Amino acid sequence: MLEDLTREMFAECLGTTFRIHYGAASPLEVELIEATALPGQPRENIPLPNRQPFSLVFRGSKDGCLPQMMYPVEHDKLGTMDLFLVPIFPDQAGYRYEAIFN
């Protein structure tokens, strides 16, 4: 379950490969390069979740950029989960994608 995932779980997987399944014959392999805690702000009458909000940044190849949408993402240790990925700026190594957990 997504609500059971924490930044610490992903931090243990920094530098490892995740596979984004997007309908092609082979998934897009990306590397987890950041797992950052985000500040949590309580809203009126809405309790904070049981975990600290966090952000993940993945880096893929320069060969093409996937559009913003929900994707099945697979990892050898964490299994498969559906993540909403947003393409963010590319760098010299490839395209970056971000997932926010709040």
N, C-alpha and C. Protein backbone atom coordinates (compact mmCIF):
# COMPACT_ATOMS: atom_id res chain seq x y z
N MET A 1 0.83 -1.18 0.00
CA MET A 1 0.00 0.00 0.00
C MET A 1 0.89 1.25 0.00
N LEU A 2 0.51 2.23 -0.80
CA LEU A 2 1.29 3.46 -0.90
C LEU A 2 1.44 4.17 0.43
N GLU A 3 0.39 4.15 1.26
CA GLU A 3 0.47 4.87 2.53
C GLU A 3 1.46 4.24 3.50
N ASP A 4 1.90 3.01 3.22
CA ASP A 4 2.88 2.35 4.08
C ASP A 4 4.32 2.65 3.67
N LEU A 5 4.51 3.28 2.51
CA LEU A 5 5.85 3.58 2.03
C LEU A 5 6.38 4.83 2.72
N THR A 6 7.66 4.81 3.08
CA THR A 6 8.28 5.95 3.76
C THR A 6 9.53 6.39 3.01
N ARG A 7 9.96 7.61 3.32
CA ARG A 7 11.20 8.12 2.71
C ARG A 7 12.38 7.23 3.08
N GLU A 8 12.38 6.75 4.32
CA GLU A 8 13.49 5.90 4.77
C GLU A 8 13.60 4.61 3.96
N MET A 9 12.46 4.05 3.59
CA MET A 9 12.47 2.83 2.77
C MET A 9 13.13 3.10 1.42
N PHE A 10 12.79 4.25 0.82
CA PHE A 10 13.38 4.61 -0.47
C PHE A 10 14.83 5.04 -0.33
N ALA A 11 15.16 5.71 0.79
CA ALA A 11 16.54 6.16 0.99
C ALA A 11 17.51 4.97 0.99
N GLU A 12 17.05 3.82 1.47
CA GLU A 12 17.88 2.62 1.43
C GLU A 12 18.10 2.13 0.00
N CYS A 13 17.31 2.64 -0.94
CA CYS A 13 17.40 2.21 -2.34
C CYS A 13 18.01 3.27 -3.25
N LEU A 14 18.58 4.34 -2.66
CA LEU A 14 19.25 5.36 -3.48
C LEU A 14 20.34 4.72 -4.32
N GLY A 15 20.43 5.14 -5.57
CA GLY A 15 21.45 4.61 -6.48
C GLY A 15 21.08 3.30 -7.13
N THR A 16 19.89 2.77 -6.84
CA THR A 16 19.47 1.51 -7.44
C THR A 16 18.49 1.75 -8.58
N THR A 17 18.24 0.69 -9.33
CA THR A 17 17.41 0.77 -10.53
C THR A 17 15.95 0.45 -10.23
N PHE A 18 15.07 1.28 -10.76
CA PHE A 18 13.62 1.06 -10.76
C PHE A 18 13.21 0.92 -12.22
N ARG A 19 12.15 0.18 -12.49
CA ARG A 19 11.67 -0.02 -13.85
C ARG A 19 10.26 0.56 -13.98
N ILE A 20 10.10 1.48 -14.93
CA ILE A 20 8.80 2.11 -15.18
C ILE A 20 8.17 1.38 -16.36
N HIS A 21 7.01 0.79 -16.13
CA HIS A 21 6.28 0.09 -17.18
C HIS A 21 5.33 1.08 -17.83
N TYR A 22 5.53 1.31 -19.13
CA TYR A 22 4.75 2.33 -19.82
C TYR A 22 4.14 1.84 -21.13
N GLY A 23 4.08 0.54 -21.32
CA GLY A 23 3.45 -0.02 -22.50
C GLY A 23 4.40 -0.49 -23.58
N ALA A 24 5.67 -0.17 -23.48
CA ALA A 24 6.65 -0.64 -24.45
C ALA A 24 7.04 -2.07 -24.12
N ALA A 25 7.74 -2.72 -25.04
CA ALA A 25 8.16 -4.10 -24.82
C ALA A 25 9.07 -4.21 -23.59
N SER A 26 9.91 -3.22 -23.40
CA SER A 26 10.81 -3.21 -22.24
C SER A 26 10.51 -1.99 -21.38
N PRO A 27 10.56 -2.14 -20.06
CA PRO A 27 10.33 -0.98 -19.19
C PRO A 27 11.49 0.01 -19.29
N LEU A 28 11.22 1.25 -18.90
CA LEU A 28 12.26 2.27 -18.82
C LEU A 28 12.97 2.12 -17.49
N GLU A 29 14.27 1.90 -17.54
CA GLU A 29 15.06 1.80 -16.31
C GLU A 29 15.49 3.19 -15.88
N VAL A 30 15.25 3.49 -14.60
CA VAL A 30 15.63 4.78 -14.02
C VAL A 30 16.37 4.52 -12.71
N GLU A 31 17.17 5.48 -12.31
CA GLU A 31 17.91 5.39 -11.05
C GLU A 31 17.28 6.35 -10.04
N LEU A 32 17.08 5.89 -8.82
CA LEU A 32 16.61 6.76 -7.75
C LEU A 32 17.80 7.61 -7.29
N ILE A 33 17.69 8.94 -7.47
CA ILE A 33 18.82 9.81 -7.13
C ILE A 33 18.56 10.72 -5.93
N GLU A 34 17.29 10.87 -5.52
CA GLU A 34 16.97 11.70 -4.36
C GLU A 34 15.76 11.13 -3.62
N ALA A 35 15.80 11.20 -2.30
CA ALA A 35 14.65 10.89 -1.43
C ALA A 35 14.67 11.96 -0.34
N THR A 36 13.82 12.98 -0.50
CA THR A 36 13.89 14.19 0.31
C THR A 36 12.64 14.35 1.16
N ALA A 37 12.83 14.60 2.45
CA ALA A 37 11.70 14.90 3.34
C ALA A 37 11.13 16.27 2.98
N LEU A 38 9.81 16.39 3.05
CA LEU A 38 9.12 17.65 2.79
C LEU A 38 8.44 18.11 4.07
N PRO A 39 8.31 19.42 4.26
CA PRO A 39 7.62 19.90 5.45
C PRO A 39 6.14 19.55 5.39
N GLY A 40 5.58 19.14 6.50
CA GLY A 40 4.16 18.84 6.57
C GLY A 40 3.43 19.97 7.27
N GLN A 41 2.40 20.47 6.67
CA GLN A 41 1.61 21.56 7.24
C GLN A 41 0.20 21.05 7.52
N PRO A 42 -0.24 21.04 8.78
CA PRO A 42 -1.61 20.60 9.04
C PRO A 42 -2.61 21.59 8.45
N ARG A 43 -3.69 21.04 7.89
CA ARG A 43 -4.77 21.86 7.37
C ARG A 43 -5.92 21.81 8.35
N GLU A 44 -6.76 22.80 8.29
CA GLU A 44 -7.89 22.88 9.21
C GLU A 44 -8.74 21.61 9.13
N ASN A 45 -8.91 20.95 10.27
CA ASN A 45 -9.73 19.75 10.42
C ASN A 45 -9.23 18.55 9.61
N ILE A 46 -7.99 18.61 9.10
CA ILE A 46 -7.43 17.48 8.36
C ILE A 46 -6.14 17.08 9.06
N PRO A 47 -6.08 15.89 9.65
CA PRO A 47 -4.86 15.47 10.34
C PRO A 47 -3.74 15.17 9.35
N LEU A 48 -2.51 15.31 9.81
CA LEU A 48 -1.36 14.92 9.01
C LEU A 48 -1.34 13.40 8.85
N PRO A 49 -0.79 12.91 7.75
CA PRO A 49 -0.68 11.46 7.60
C PRO A 49 0.28 10.88 8.63
N ASN A 50 0.30 9.57 8.73
CA ASN A 50 1.16 8.90 9.70
C ASN A 50 2.63 9.00 9.35
N ARG A 51 2.94 9.42 8.14
CA ARG A 51 4.34 9.54 7.73
C ARG A 51 4.64 10.97 7.32
N GLN A 52 5.91 11.32 7.36
CA GLN A 52 6.38 12.62 6.89
C GLN A 52 6.26 12.66 5.37
N PRO A 53 5.70 13.74 4.79
CA PRO A 53 5.67 13.85 3.32
C PRO A 53 7.09 13.83 2.76
N PHE A 54 7.23 13.29 1.54
CA PHE A 54 8.56 13.22 0.92
C PHE A 54 8.46 13.24 -0.59
N SER A 55 9.59 13.48 -1.19
CA SER A 55 9.71 13.55 -2.65
C SER A 55 10.78 12.57 -3.10
N LEU A 56 10.53 11.94 -4.24
CA LEU A 56 11.52 11.07 -4.88
C LEU A 56 11.87 11.64 -6.24
N VAL A 57 13.13 11.59 -6.61
CA VAL A 57 13.56 11.99 -7.95
C VAL A 57 14.31 10.82 -8.57
N PHE A 58 13.87 10.46 -9.77
CA PHE A 58 14.48 9.39 -10.55
C PHE A 58 15.14 10.01 -11.78
N ARG A 59 16.22 9.39 -12.28
CA ARG A 59 16.85 9.84 -13.52
C ARG A 59 16.82 8.69 -14.52
N GLY A 60 16.31 9.01 -15.71
CA GLY A 60 16.29 8.05 -16.82
C GLY A 60 17.27 8.47 -17.90
N SER A 61 17.12 7.86 -19.05
CA SER A 61 18.03 8.14 -20.16
C SER A 61 17.67 9.45 -20.85
N LYS A 62 18.51 9.85 -21.80
CA LYS A 62 18.27 11.04 -22.61
C LYS A 62 17.40 10.72 -23.83
N ASP A 63 17.03 9.46 -24.01
CA ASP A 63 16.39 9.01 -25.24
C ASP A 63 14.96 9.48 -25.43
N GLY A 64 14.31 9.93 -24.41
CA GLY A 64 12.92 10.37 -24.54
C GLY A 64 12.33 10.59 -23.17
N CYS A 65 11.31 11.40 -23.13
CA CYS A 65 10.70 11.78 -21.86
C CYS A 65 9.27 11.23 -21.79
N LEU A 66 8.96 10.53 -20.72
CA LEU A 66 7.60 10.03 -20.52
C LEU A 66 6.69 11.18 -20.07
N PRO A 67 5.42 11.17 -20.48
CA PRO A 67 4.50 12.22 -20.03
C PRO A 67 4.09 12.02 -18.57
N GLN A 68 3.60 13.08 -17.98
CA GLN A 68 3.08 13.05 -16.61
C GLN A 68 1.87 12.13 -16.54
N MET A 69 1.95 11.11 -15.71
CA MET A 69 0.82 10.21 -15.50
C MET A 69 1.18 9.14 -14.47
N MET A 70 0.23 8.28 -14.18
CA MET A 70 0.42 7.16 -13.25
C MET A 70 1.08 6.01 -14.00
N TYR A 71 2.11 5.42 -13.39
CA TYR A 71 2.83 4.29 -13.99
C TYR A 71 3.05 3.19 -12.95
N PRO A 72 3.00 1.93 -13.38
CA PRO A 72 3.50 0.86 -12.51
C PRO A 72 5.03 0.96 -12.46
N VAL A 73 5.58 1.02 -11.26
CA VAL A 73 7.02 1.13 -11.07
C VAL A 73 7.46 -0.06 -10.24
N GLU A 74 8.48 -0.74 -10.71
CA GLU A 74 8.94 -1.99 -10.10
C GLU A 74 10.36 -1.83 -9.56
N HIS A 75 10.60 -2.42 -8.40
CA HIS A 75 11.93 -2.43 -7.79
C HIS A 75 12.16 -3.81 -7.19
N ASP A 76 13.38 -4.30 -7.27
CA ASP A 76 13.68 -5.65 -6.78
C ASP A 76 13.38 -5.82 -5.30
N LYS A 77 13.64 -4.80 -4.49
CA LYS A 77 13.42 -4.90 -3.04
C LYS A 77 12.02 -4.46 -2.63
N LEU A 78 11.50 -3.38 -3.23
CA LEU A 78 10.23 -2.80 -2.81
C LEU A 78 9.01 -3.36 -3.53
N GLY A 79 9.22 -4.10 -4.60
CA GLY A 79 8.11 -4.66 -5.35
C GLY A 79 7.56 -3.67 -6.37
N THR A 80 6.29 -3.84 -6.74
CA THR A 80 5.65 -2.99 -7.74
C THR A 80 4.62 -2.09 -7.08
N MET A 81 4.62 -0.83 -7.48
CA MET A 81 3.67 0.16 -6.95
C MET A 81 3.28 1.10 -8.09
N ASP A 82 2.10 1.66 -8.02
CA ASP A 82 1.66 2.65 -8.99
C ASP A 82 2.05 4.03 -8.47
N LEU A 83 2.87 4.76 -9.25
CA LEU A 83 3.31 6.09 -8.85
C LEU A 83 2.91 7.11 -9.91
N PHE A 84 2.48 8.29 -9.45
CA PHE A 84 2.23 9.40 -10.34
C PHE A 84 3.55 10.11 -10.54
N LEU A 85 4.09 10.03 -11.75
CA LEU A 85 5.40 10.61 -12.06
C LEU A 85 5.24 11.86 -12.91
N VAL A 86 6.01 12.87 -12.57
CA VAL A 86 6.00 14.14 -13.29
C VAL A 86 7.39 14.37 -13.85
N PRO A 87 7.52 14.57 -15.16
CA PRO A 87 8.85 14.89 -15.69
C PRO A 87 9.26 16.29 -15.21
N ILE A 88 10.49 16.37 -14.74
CA ILE A 88 11.03 17.67 -14.35
C ILE A 88 12.23 17.92 -15.24
N PHE A 89 13.03 18.91 -14.95
CA PHE A 89 14.10 19.32 -15.85
C PHE A 89 15.08 18.18 -16.15
N PRO A 90 15.56 18.12 -17.39
CA PRO A 90 16.63 17.16 -17.70
C PRO A 90 17.98 17.73 -17.25
N ASP A 91 18.94 16.85 -17.06
CA ASP A 91 20.30 17.30 -16.83
C ASP A 91 21.19 16.63 -17.88
N GLN A 92 22.50 16.75 -17.75
CA GLN A 92 23.40 16.19 -18.75
C GLN A 92 23.28 14.67 -18.86
N ALA A 93 22.87 14.01 -17.79
CA ALA A 93 22.80 12.54 -17.77
C ALA A 93 21.48 12.00 -18.29
N GLY A 94 20.40 12.78 -18.22
CA GLY A 94 19.11 12.27 -18.71
C GLY A 94 17.93 13.02 -18.13
N TYR A 95 16.73 12.49 -18.41
CA TYR A 95 15.50 13.10 -17.91
C TYR A 95 15.27 12.72 -16.47
N ARG A 96 14.68 13.65 -15.72
CA ARG A 96 14.35 13.41 -14.31
C ARG A 96 12.83 13.34 -14.16
N TYR A 97 12.40 12.51 -13.21
CA TYR A 97 10.98 12.33 -12.90
C TYR A 97 10.82 12.44 -11.39
N GLU A 98 9.72 13.08 -10.96
CA GLU A 98 9.48 13.26 -9.53
C GLU A 98 8.17 12.62 -9.13
N ALA A 99 8.15 12.02 -7.94
CA ALA A 99 6.95 11.51 -7.30
C ALA A 99 6.86 12.15 -5.92
N ILE A 100 5.68 12.66 -5.56
CA ILE A 100 5.47 13.30 -4.27
C ILE A 100 4.55 12.41 -3.43
N PHE A 101 4.92 12.18 -2.19
CA PHE A 101 4.11 11.43 -1.24
C PHE A 101 3.71 12.39 -0.12
N ASN A 102 2.41 12.68 -0.01
CA ASN A 102 1.98 13.58 1.07
C ASN A 102 0.85 12.97 1.85
